[in-house]
PDB file of all heavy atoms in Angstrom:
ATOM      1  N   HIS A   1    -148.692  78.447-120.159  1.00  0.00           N
ATOM      2  CA  HIS A   1    -147.305  78.737-119.791  1.00  0.00           C
ATOM      3  C   HIS A   1    -146.746  79.888-120.637  1.00  0.00           C
ATOM      4  O   HIS A   1    -146.011  80.750-120.144  1.00  0.00           O
ATOM      5  CB  HIS A   1    -146.448  77.479-119.974  1.00  0.00           C
ATOM      6  CG  HIS A   1    -145.038  77.653-119.515  1.00  0.00           C
ATOM      7  ND1 HIS A   1    -144.691  77.648-118.182  1.00  0.00           N
ATOM      8  CD2 HIS A   1    -143.890  77.857-120.217  1.00  0.00           C
ATOM      9  CE1 HIS A   1    -143.384  77.836-118.077  1.00  0.00           C
ATOM     10  NE2 HIS A   1    -142.870  77.957-119.291  1.00  0.00           N
ATOM     11  N   GLN A   2    -147.129  79.908-121.903  1.00  0.00           N
ATOM     12  CA  GLN A   2    -146.640  80.965-122.791  1.00  0.00           C
ATOM     13  C   GLN A   2    -147.218  82.336-122.431  1.00  0.00           C
ATOM     14  O   GLN A   2    -146.641  83.372-122.776  1.00  0.00           O
ATOM     15  CB  GLN A   2    -146.988  80.617-124.241  1.00  0.00           C
ATOM     16  CG  GLN A   2    -146.182  79.433-124.788  1.00  0.00           C
ATOM     17  CD  GLN A   2    -146.640  79.010-126.166  1.00  0.00           C
ATOM     18  OE1 GLN A   2    -147.674  79.458-126.647  1.00  0.00           O
ATOM     19  NE2 GLN A   2    -145.876  78.123-126.808  1.00  0.00           N
ATOM     20  N   LEU A   3    -148.367  82.332-121.716  1.00  0.00           N
ATOM     21  CA  LEU A   3    -148.961  83.601-121.311  1.00  0.00           C
ATOM     22  C   LEU A   3    -148.238  84.238-120.131  1.00  0.00           C
ATOM     23  O   LEU A   3    -148.352  85.445-119.906  1.00  0.00           O
ATOM     24  CB  LEU A   3    -150.438  83.388-120.929  1.00  0.00           C
ATOM     25  CG  LEU A   3    -151.414  83.145-122.076  1.00  0.00           C
ATOM     26  CD1 LEU A   3    -152.784  82.782-121.512  1.00  0.00           C
ATOM     27  CD2 LEU A   3    -151.531  84.383-122.957  1.00  0.00           C
ATOM     28  N   LYS A   4    -147.495  83.432-119.392  1.00  0.00           N
ATOM     29  CA  LYS A   4    -146.848  83.954-118.191  1.00  0.00           C
ATOM     30  C   LYS A   4    -145.855  85.057-118.525  1.00  0.00           C
ATOM     31  O   LYS A   4    -145.812  86.098-117.852  1.00  0.00           O
ATOM     32  CB  LYS A   4    -146.123  82.821-117.451  1.00  0.00           C
ATOM     33  CG  LYS A   4    -147.051  81.837-116.773  1.00  0.00           C
ATOM     34  CD  LYS A   4    -146.281  80.722-116.100  1.00  0.00           C
ATOM     35  CE  LYS A   4    -145.430  81.248-114.953  1.00  0.00           C
ATOM     36  NZ  LYS A   4    -144.723  80.152-114.268  1.00  0.00           N
ATOM     37  N   ALA A   5    -145.056  84.857-119.563  1.00  0.00           N
ATOM     38  CA  ALA A   5    -144.002  85.824-119.896  1.00  0.00           C
ATOM     39  C   ALA A   5    -144.581  87.187-120.290  1.00  0.00           C
ATOM     40  O   ALA A   5    -144.133  88.218-119.765  1.00  0.00           O
ATOM     41  CB  ALA A   5    -143.125  85.266-121.006  1.00  0.00           C
ATOM     42  N   PRO A   6    -145.590  87.283-121.173  1.00  0.00           N
ATOM     43  CA  PRO A   6    -146.143  88.606-121.515  1.00  0.00           C
ATOM     44  C   PRO A   6    -146.715  89.344-120.307  1.00  0.00           C
ATOM     45  O   PRO A   6    -146.500  90.545-120.157  1.00  0.00           O
ATOM     46  CB  PRO A   6    -147.238  88.279-122.532  1.00  0.00           C
ATOM     47  CG  PRO A   6    -146.829  86.985-123.130  1.00  0.00           C
ATOM     48  CD  PRO A   6    -146.165  86.226-122.035  1.00  0.00           C
ATOM     49  N   PHE A   7    -147.416  88.632-119.438  1.00  0.00           N
ATOM     50  CA  PHE A   7    -147.983  89.301-118.271  1.00  0.00           C
ATOM     51  C   PHE A   7    -146.888  89.752-117.310  1.00  0.00           C
ATOM     52  O   PHE A   7    -146.987  90.818-116.689  1.00  0.00           O
ATOM     53  CB  PHE A   7    -148.967  88.374-117.548  1.00  0.00           C
ATOM     54  CG  PHE A   7    -150.321  88.327-118.193  1.00  0.00           C
ATOM     55  CD1 PHE A   7    -150.814  87.157-118.738  1.00  0.00           C
ATOM     56  CD2 PHE A   7    -151.099  89.469-118.259  1.00  0.00           C
ATOM     57  CE1 PHE A   7    -152.055  87.124-119.339  1.00  0.00           C
ATOM     58  CE2 PHE A   7    -152.355  89.447-118.855  1.00  0.00           C
ATOM     59  CZ  PHE A   7    -152.835  88.267-119.400  1.00  0.00           C
ATOM     60  N   ALA A   8    -145.855  88.940-117.187  1.00  0.00           N
ATOM     61  CA  ALA A   8    -144.734  89.337-116.329  1.00  0.00           C
ATOM     62  C   ALA A   8    -144.060  90.591-116.886  1.00  0.00           C
ATOM     63  O   ALA A   8    -143.657  91.492-116.129  1.00  0.00           O
ATOM     64  CB  ALA A   8    -143.730  88.194-116.216  1.00  0.00           C
ATOM     65  N   ALA A   9    -143.943  90.690-118.228  1.00  0.00           N
ATOM     66  CA  ALA A   9    -143.325  91.864-118.847  1.00  0.00           C
ATOM     67  C   ALA A   9    -144.188  93.109-118.613  1.00  0.00           C
ATOM     68  O   ALA A   9    -143.677  94.186-118.281  1.00  0.00           O
ATOM     69  CB  ALA A   9    -143.152  91.615-120.345  1.00  0.00           C
ATOM     70  N   ILE A  10    -145.523  92.952-118.766  1.00  0.00           N
ATOM     71  CA  ILE A  10    -146.428  94.080-118.535  1.00  0.00           C
ATOM     72  C   ILE A  10    -146.309  94.571-117.098  1.00  0.00           C
ATOM     73  O   ILE A  10    -146.231  95.776-116.827  1.00  0.00           O
ATOM     74  CB  ILE A  10    -147.879  93.674-118.846  1.00  0.00           C
ATOM     75  CG1 ILE A  10    -148.040  93.399-120.334  1.00  0.00           C
ATOM     76  CG2 ILE A  10    -148.858  94.763-118.405  1.00  0.00           C
ATOM     77  CD1 ILE A  10    -149.383  92.798-120.706  1.00  0.00           C
ATOM     78  N   GLN A  11    -146.249  93.610-116.177  1.00  0.00           N
ATOM     79  CA  GLN A  11    -146.133  93.974-114.771  1.00  0.00           C
ATOM     80  C   GLN A  11    -144.802  94.674-114.501  1.00  0.00           C
ATOM     81  O   GLN A  11    -144.741  95.650-113.743  1.00  0.00           O
ATOM     82  CB  GLN A  11    -146.273  92.716-113.898  1.00  0.00           C
ATOM     83  CG  GLN A  11    -146.403  93.025-112.420  1.00  0.00           C
ATOM     84  CD  GLN A  11    -146.776  91.787-111.627  1.00  0.00           C
ATOM     85  OE1 GLN A  11    -146.917  90.704-112.184  1.00  0.00           O
ATOM     86  NE2 GLN A  11    -146.935  91.949-110.338  1.00  0.00           N
ATOM     87  N   ALA A  12    -143.755  94.206-115.130  1.00  0.00           N
ATOM     88  CA  ALA A  12    -142.433  94.814-114.934  1.00  0.00           C
ATOM     89  C   ALA A  12    -142.414  96.252-115.463  1.00  0.00           C
ATOM     90  O   ALA A  12    -141.893  97.168-114.810  1.00  0.00           O
ATOM     91  CB  ALA A  12    -141.368  93.978-115.627  1.00  0.00           C
ATOM     92  N   TYR A  13    -142.991  96.464-116.640  1.00  0.00           N
ATOM     93  CA  TYR A  13    -143.056  97.814-117.197  1.00  0.00           C
ATOM     94  C   TYR A  13    -143.901  98.731-116.309  1.00  0.00           C
ATOM     95  O   TYR A  13    -143.575  99.920-116.124  1.00  0.00           O
ATOM     96  CB  TYR A  13    -143.628  97.784-118.613  1.00  0.00           C
ATOM     97  CG  TYR A  13    -142.661  97.235-119.647  1.00  0.00           C
ATOM     98  CD1 TYR A  13    -143.054  96.233-120.533  1.00  0.00           C
ATOM     99  CD2 TYR A  13    -141.355  97.717-119.733  1.00  0.00           C
ATOM    100  CE1 TYR A  13    -142.179  95.720-121.469  1.00  0.00           C
ATOM    101  CE2 TYR A  13    -140.473  97.205-120.672  1.00  0.00           C
ATOM    102  CZ  TYR A  13    -140.882  96.207-121.541  1.00  0.00           C
ATOM    103  OH  TYR A  13    -140.011  95.710-122.464  1.00  0.00           O
ATOM    104  N   ALA A  14    -144.993  98.191-115.778  1.00  0.00           N
ATOM    105  CA  ALA A  14    -145.828  98.981-114.878  1.00  0.00           C
ATOM    106  C   ALA A  14    -145.052  99.383-113.630  1.00  0.00           C
ATOM    107  O   ALA A  14    -145.155 100.527-113.154  1.00  0.00           O
ATOM    108  CB  ALA A  14    -147.082  98.183-114.493  1.00  0.00           C
ATOM    109  N   ASP A  15    -144.239  98.460-113.106  1.00  0.00           N
ATOM    110  CA  ASP A  15    -143.415  98.766-111.930  1.00  0.00           C
ATOM    111  C   ASP A  15    -142.408  99.870-112.241  1.00  0.00           C
ATOM    112  O   ASP A  15    -142.138 100.741-111.396  1.00  0.00           O
ATOM    113  CB  ASP A  15    -142.690  97.506-111.452  1.00  0.00           C
ATOM    114  CG  ASP A  15    -143.645  96.508-110.809  1.00  0.00           C
ATOM    115  OD1 ASP A  15    -144.716  96.945-110.334  1.00  0.00           O
ATOM    116  OD2 ASP A  15    -143.324  95.303-110.783  1.00  0.00           O
ATOM    117  N   LEU A  16    -141.831  99.830-113.434  1.00  0.00           N
ATOM    118  CA  LEU A  16    -140.857 100.861-113.814  1.00  0.00           C
ATOM    119  C   LEU A  16    -141.502 102.244-113.824  1.00  0.00           C
ATOM    120  O   LEU A  16    -140.928 103.224-113.320  1.00  0.00           O
ATOM    121  CB  LEU A  16    -140.283 100.552-115.200  1.00  0.00           C
ATOM    122  CG  LEU A  16    -139.286  99.391-115.295  1.00  0.00           C
ATOM    123  CD1 LEU A  16    -138.936  99.107-116.738  1.00  0.00           C
ATOM    124  CD2 LEU A  16    -138.015  99.709-114.495  1.00  0.00           C
ATOM    125  N   VAL A  17    -142.720 102.332-114.379  1.00  0.00           N
ATOM    126  CA  VAL A  17    -143.415 103.621-114.427  1.00  0.00           C
ATOM    127  C   VAL A  17    -143.779 104.085-113.020  1.00  0.00           C
ATOM    128  O   VAL A  17    -143.587 105.252-112.656  1.00  0.00           O
ATOM    129  CB  VAL A  17    -144.674 103.516-115.304  1.00  0.00           C
ATOM    130  CG1 VAL A  17    -145.473 104.823-115.249  1.00  0.00           C
ATOM    131  CG2 VAL A  17    -144.296 103.193-116.740  1.00  0.00           C
ATOM    132  N   LEU A  18    -144.291 103.157-112.207  1.00  0.00           N
ATOM    133  CA  LEU A  18    -144.708 103.518-110.851  1.00  0.00           C
ATOM    134  C   LEU A  18    -143.523 103.911-109.970  1.00  0.00           C
ATOM    135  O   LEU A  18    -143.668 104.728-109.056  1.00  0.00           O
ATOM    136  CB  LEU A  18    -145.471 102.347-110.212  1.00  0.00           C
ATOM    137  CG  LEU A  18    -146.838 102.034-110.835  1.00  0.00           C
ATOM    138  CD1 LEU A  18    -147.413 100.747-110.252  1.00  0.00           C
ATOM    139  CD2 LEU A  18    -147.819 103.184-110.615  1.00  0.00           C
ATOM    140  N   ASP A  19    -142.354 103.336-110.242  1.00  0.00           N
ATOM    141  CA  ASP A  19    -141.159 103.672-109.459  1.00  0.00           C
ATOM    142  C   ASP A  19    -140.473 104.946-109.959  1.00  0.00           C
ATOM    143  O   ASP A  19    -139.432 105.352-109.418  1.00  0.00           O
ATOM    144  CB  ASP A  19    -140.173 102.497-109.495  1.00  0.00           C
ATOM    145  CG  ASP A  19    -140.703 101.285-108.723  1.00  0.00           C
ATOM    146  OD1 ASP A  19    -141.585 101.486-107.864  1.00  0.00           O
ATOM    147  OD2 ASP A  19    -140.243 100.160-108.992  1.00  0.00           O
ATOM    148  N   GLY A  20    -141.014 105.567-111.018  1.00  0.00           N
ATOM    149  CA  GLY A  20    -140.492 106.835-111.476  1.00  0.00           C
ATOM    150  C   GLY A  20    -139.393 106.764-112.507  1.00  0.00           C
ATOM    151  O   GLY A  20    -138.810 107.798-112.872  1.00  0.00           O
ATOM    152  N   TYR A  21    -139.070 105.567-113.011  1.00  0.00           N
ATOM    153  CA  TYR A  21    -137.984 105.429-113.979  1.00  0.00           C
ATOM    154  C   TYR A  21    -138.370 105.925-115.373  1.00  0.00           C
ATOM    155  O   TYR A  21    -137.506 106.080-116.230  1.00  0.00           O
ATOM    156  CB  TYR A  21    -137.538 103.964-114.063  1.00  0.00           C
ATOM    157  CG  TYR A  21    -136.862 103.502-112.796  1.00  0.00           C
ATOM    158  CD1 TYR A  21    -137.520 102.679-111.896  1.00  0.00           C
ATOM    159  CD2 TYR A  21    -135.551 103.904-112.496  1.00  0.00           C
ATOM    160  CE1 TYR A  21    -136.919 102.243-110.727  1.00  0.00           C
ATOM    161  CE2 TYR A  21    -134.934 103.478-111.325  1.00  0.00           C
ATOM    162  CZ  TYR A  21    -135.622 102.655-110.447  1.00  0.00           C
ATOM    163  OH  TYR A  21    -135.009 102.243-109.283  1.00  0.00           O
ATOM    164  N   ALA A  22    -139.649 106.178-115.614  1.00  0.00           N
ATOM    165  CA  ALA A  22    -140.073 106.666-116.927  1.00  0.00           C
ATOM    166  C   ALA A  22    -140.375 108.161-116.898  1.00  0.00           C
ATOM    167  O   ALA A  22    -141.018 108.690-117.788  1.00  0.00           O
ATOM    168  CB  ALA A  22    -141.320 105.901-117.380  1.00  0.00           C
ATOM    169  N   GLY A  23    -139.919 108.819-115.866  1.00  0.00           N
ATOM    170  CA  GLY A  23    -140.153 110.251-115.756  1.00  0.00           C
ATOM    171  C   GLY A  23    -141.426 110.545-114.992  1.00  0.00           C
ATOM    172  O   GLY A  23    -142.091 109.657-114.439  1.00  0.00           O
ATOM    173  N   LYS A  24    -141.788 111.817-114.961  1.00  0.00           N
ATOM    174  CA  LYS A  24    -142.958 112.242-114.219  1.00  0.00           C
ATOM    175  C   LYS A  24    -144.227 111.818-114.952  1.00  0.00           C
ATOM    176  O   LYS A  24    -144.376 112.022-116.159  1.00  0.00           O
ATOM    177  CB  LYS A  24    -142.942 113.764-114.057  1.00  0.00           C
ATOM    178  CG  LYS A  24    -144.040 114.263-113.126  1.00  0.00           C
ATOM    179  CD  LYS A  24    -143.903 115.768-112.915  1.00  0.00           C
ATOM    180  CE  LYS A  24    -145.002 116.255-111.974  1.00  0.00           C
ATOM    181  NZ  LYS A  24    -144.889 117.717-111.720  1.00  0.00           N
ATOM    182  N   THR A  25    -145.117 111.216-114.184  1.00  0.00           N
ATOM    183  CA  THR A  25    -146.372 110.712-114.762  1.00  0.00           C
ATOM    184  C   THR A  25    -147.546 111.337-114.019  1.00  0.00           C
ATOM    185  O   THR A  25    -147.528 111.415-112.785  1.00  0.00           O
ATOM    186  CB  THR A  25    -146.450 109.175-114.635  1.00  0.00           C
ATOM    187  OG1 THR A  25    -145.266 108.604-115.213  1.00  0.00           O
ATOM    188  CG2 THR A  25    -147.668 108.629-115.345  1.00  0.00           C
TER     189      THR A  25
END
């Protein structure tokens, strides 16, 4: 259960980069 939160955070950060919120990649 404790592993769910870190993976969810990683996925959320990945979504931010893919959606362009972190600038041009």
